[in-house]
Amino acid sequence: MPETKTEKLFFLAMMGIVMTIGMETYNLLFIRASLTHIFRAAVIDFPLMLGTVMTVQCFVAGPAAGKIAALLLPDGASELRQTFTRSSCTVLLMCPLMSLAATLYFKRALGDLSTVWLVTCLCNLPMAYLWQMLIAGPLVRRTFRHCFRQS
């Protein structure tokens, strides 16, 4: 879909915002956060996580997901299959990396990092996958196509 650097940056920003909002909301609901915690998350945590999402996606998970998807896809795969495979690879890379970031940023469980990270990842993976496949992915791709009017 995105072809130019500007389009790629726009798509990255849109996807990062929608995924971060979804996952932050999920995690706040999951821990039954107070209004104070929700306000703090909106002001402090959201920008921190969005910056982390965009950095990790741009430099680590995005390129790796593209390479892995290319290895998994047969020649001549449909656009739908390509999108599904690329999105799946992205979620399967981003979720553990972002769960690690969240564990380090918010849970401060350095003594028991691996266990807390694993539990965080296992709690987030189903939601991240469903959010990406059913809400964020289709919404962002549709908005992107509307903004850039691709033929």
Protein backbone atom coordinates (compact mmCIF):
# COMPACT_ATOMS: atom_id res chain seq x y z
CA MET A 1 0.00 0.00 0.00
CA PRO A 2 2.34 2.81 1.07
CA GLU A 3 4.91 3.48 -1.62
CA THR A 4 6.69 6.75 -0.86
CA LYS A 5 8.52 7.60 2.36
CA THR A 6 5.79 10.12 3.21
CA GLU A 7 3.09 7.50 2.72
CA LYS A 8 5.05 4.97 4.81
CA LEU A 9 5.46 7.48 7.64
CA PHE A 10 1.76 8.42 7.49
CA PHE A 11 0.72 4.74 7.56
CA LEU A 12 3.15 4.00 10.41
CA ALA A 13 1.80 6.93 12.44
CA MET A 14 -1.83 5.97 11.86
CA MET A 15 -1.27 2.31 12.70
CA GLY A 16 0.84 3.22 15.72
CA ILE A 17 -1.83 5.54 17.09
CA VAL A 18 -4.71 3.09 16.58
CA MET A 19 -2.79 0.10 17.97
CA THR A 20 -1.47 2.09 20.95
CA ILE A 21 -4.92 3.44 21.82
CA GLY A 22 -6.42 -0.03 21.57
CA MET A 23 -3.77 -1.78 23.61
CA GLU A 24 -3.47 0.96 26.23
CA THR A 25 -7.27 0.91 26.69
CA TYR A 26 -7.25 -2.89 26.92
CA ASN A 27 -4.48 -2.90 29.52
CA LEU A 28 -6.14 -0.17 31.59
CA LEU A 29 -9.44 -2.06 31.55
CA PHE A 30 -7.61 -5.31 32.29
CA ILE A 31 -6.11 -3.90 35.50
CA ARG A 32 -9.30 -1.97 36.31
CA ALA A 33 -7.44 1.31 36.42
CA SER A 34 -8.68 4.26 38.42
CA LEU A 35 -9.56 7.59 36.79
CA THR A 36 -6.26 8.99 38.05
CA HIS A 37 -4.37 6.16 36.36
CA ILE A 38 -6.34 6.64 33.13
CA PHE A 39 -5.54 10.37 33.09
CA ARG A 40 -1.86 9.63 33.73
CA ALA A 41 -1.90 7.09 30.91
CA ALA A 42 -3.41 9.59 28.49
CA VAL A 43 -0.90 12.29 29.34
CA ILE A 44 2.31 10.37 30.03
CA ASP A 45 2.05 6.69 29.08
CA PHE A 46 0.41 7.10 25.65
CA PRO A 47 3.14 9.33 24.16
CA LEU A 48 5.85 7.09 25.64
CA MET A 49 4.28 3.92 24.22
CA LEU A 50 3.48 5.54 20.85
CA GLY A 51 7.11 6.63 20.46
CA THR A 52 8.26 3.14 21.39
CA VAL A 53 5.76 1.51 19.00
CA MET A 54 6.85 3.68 16.09
CA THR A 55 10.55 3.16 16.77
CA VAL A 56 10.29 -0.61 17.20
CA GLN A 57 8.00 -0.96 14.17
CA CYS A 58 10.16 1.23 11.94
CA PHE A 59 13.55 -0.23 12.78
CA VAL A 60 12.98 -3.78 14.03
CA ALA A 61 9.59 -5.44 13.63
CA GLY A 62 8.50 -3.87 10.33
CA PRO A 63 11.54 -4.89 8.31
CA ALA A 64 11.69 -8.32 9.97
CA ALA A 65 7.96 -8.95 9.44
CA GLY A 66 8.31 -8.07 5.76
CA LYS A 67 11.18 -10.53 5.33
CA ILE A 68 9.44 -13.32 7.23
CA ALA A 69 6.18 -12.78 5.33
CA ALA A 70 8.07 -12.91 2.02
CA LEU A 71 9.53 -16.29 3.03
CA LEU A 72 6.11 -17.64 3.99
CA LEU A 73 4.17 -16.44 0.96
CA PRO A 74 4.10 -18.34 -2.32
CA ASP A 75 4.64 -16.46 -5.58
CA GLY A 76 1.42 -14.90 -6.81
CA ALA A 77 -0.31 -14.90 -3.41
CA SER A 78 -3.46 -12.80 -3.31
CA GLU A 79 -3.37 -9.30 -1.86
CA LEU A 80 -5.60 -10.47 1.00
CA ARG A 81 -3.22 -13.31 1.87
CA GLN A 82 -0.22 -10.98 1.68
CA THR A 83 -1.92 -8.48 4.01
CA PHE A 84 -2.99 -11.19 6.44
CA THR A 85 0.46 -12.79 6.51
CA ARG A 86 2.32 -9.48 6.91
CA SER A 87 -0.07 -8.34 9.66
CA SER A 88 0.26 -11.66 11.48
CA CYS A 89 4.05 -11.51 11.34
CA THR A 90 4.01 -7.92 12.59
CA VAL A 91 1.79 -8.73 15.58
CA LEU A 92 3.83 -11.82 16.45
CA LEU A 93 6.98 -9.67 16.56
CA MET A 94 5.55 -6.45 18.01
CA CYS A 95 3.59 -8.00 20.88
CA PRO A 96 6.56 -9.60 22.66
CA LEU A 97 8.71 -6.50 22.08
CA MET A 98 6.05 -4.07 23.29
CA SER A 99 5.17 -6.34 26.22
CA LEU A 100 8.84 -6.22 27.19
CA ALA A 101 8.82 -2.42 26.93
CA ALA A 102 5.64 -2.20 29.02
CA THR A 103 7.10 -4.57 31.60
CA LEU A 104 10.23 -2.42 31.89
CA TYR A 105 8.39 0.93 31.81
CA PHE A 106 5.46 0.20 34.10
CA LYS A 107 5.90 -3.01 36.06
CA ARG A 108 9.50 -2.52 37.16
CA ALA A 109 9.85 -6.25 37.80
CA LEU A 110 13.58 -6.48 37.22
CA GLY A 111 14.06 -9.33 39.67
CA ASP A 112 11.40 -11.43 37.97
CA LEU A 113 11.55 -9.86 34.51
CA SER A 114 11.16 -13.01 32.42
CA THR A 115 8.07 -14.25 34.24
CA VAL A 116 6.33 -10.87 34.31
CA TRP A 117 7.21 -10.27 30.64
CA LEU A 118 5.88 -13.71 29.64
CA VAL A 119 2.59 -13.19 31.51
CA THR A 120 2.24 -9.70 30.03
CA CYS A 121 2.90 -11.03 26.55
CA LEU A 122 0.44 -13.90 26.93
CA CYS A 123 -2.26 -11.51 28.18
CA ASN A 124 -1.66 -9.04 25.35
CA LEU A 125 -1.14 -11.36 22.36
CA PRO A 126 -4.76 -12.46 21.79
CA MET A 127 -6.04 -8.89 22.07
CA ALA A 128 -3.26 -7.44 19.91
CA TYR A 129 -3.94 -10.02 17.21
CA LEU A 130 -7.71 -9.52 17.21
CA TRP A 131 -7.40 -5.73 17.44
CA GLN A 132 -5.00 -5.69 14.48
CA MET A 133 -6.97 -8.09 12.29
CA LEU A 134 -10.49 -6.88 13.03
CA ILE A 135 -10.24 -3.18 13.90
CA ALA A 136 -6.92 -1.39 13.49
CA GLY A 137 -5.73 -3.01 10.28
CA PRO A 138 -8.94 -2.59 8.25
CA LEU A 139 -9.60 0.91 9.67
CA VAL A 140 -6.09 2.19 8.96
CA ARG A 141 -5.89 0.65 5.49
CA ARG A 142 -9.29 2.08 4.55
CA THR A 143 -8.37 5.52 5.88
CA PHE A 144 -5.01 5.36 4.10
CA ARG A 145 -6.64 4.45 0.78
CA HIS A 146 -9.11 7.29 1.24
CA CYS A 147 -6.37 9.82 1.99
CA PHE A 148 -4.08 8.75 -0.83
CA ARG A 149 -6.71 7.61 -3.37
CA GLN A 150 -4.77 4.71 -4.78
CA SER A 151 -6.09 3.07 -7.91
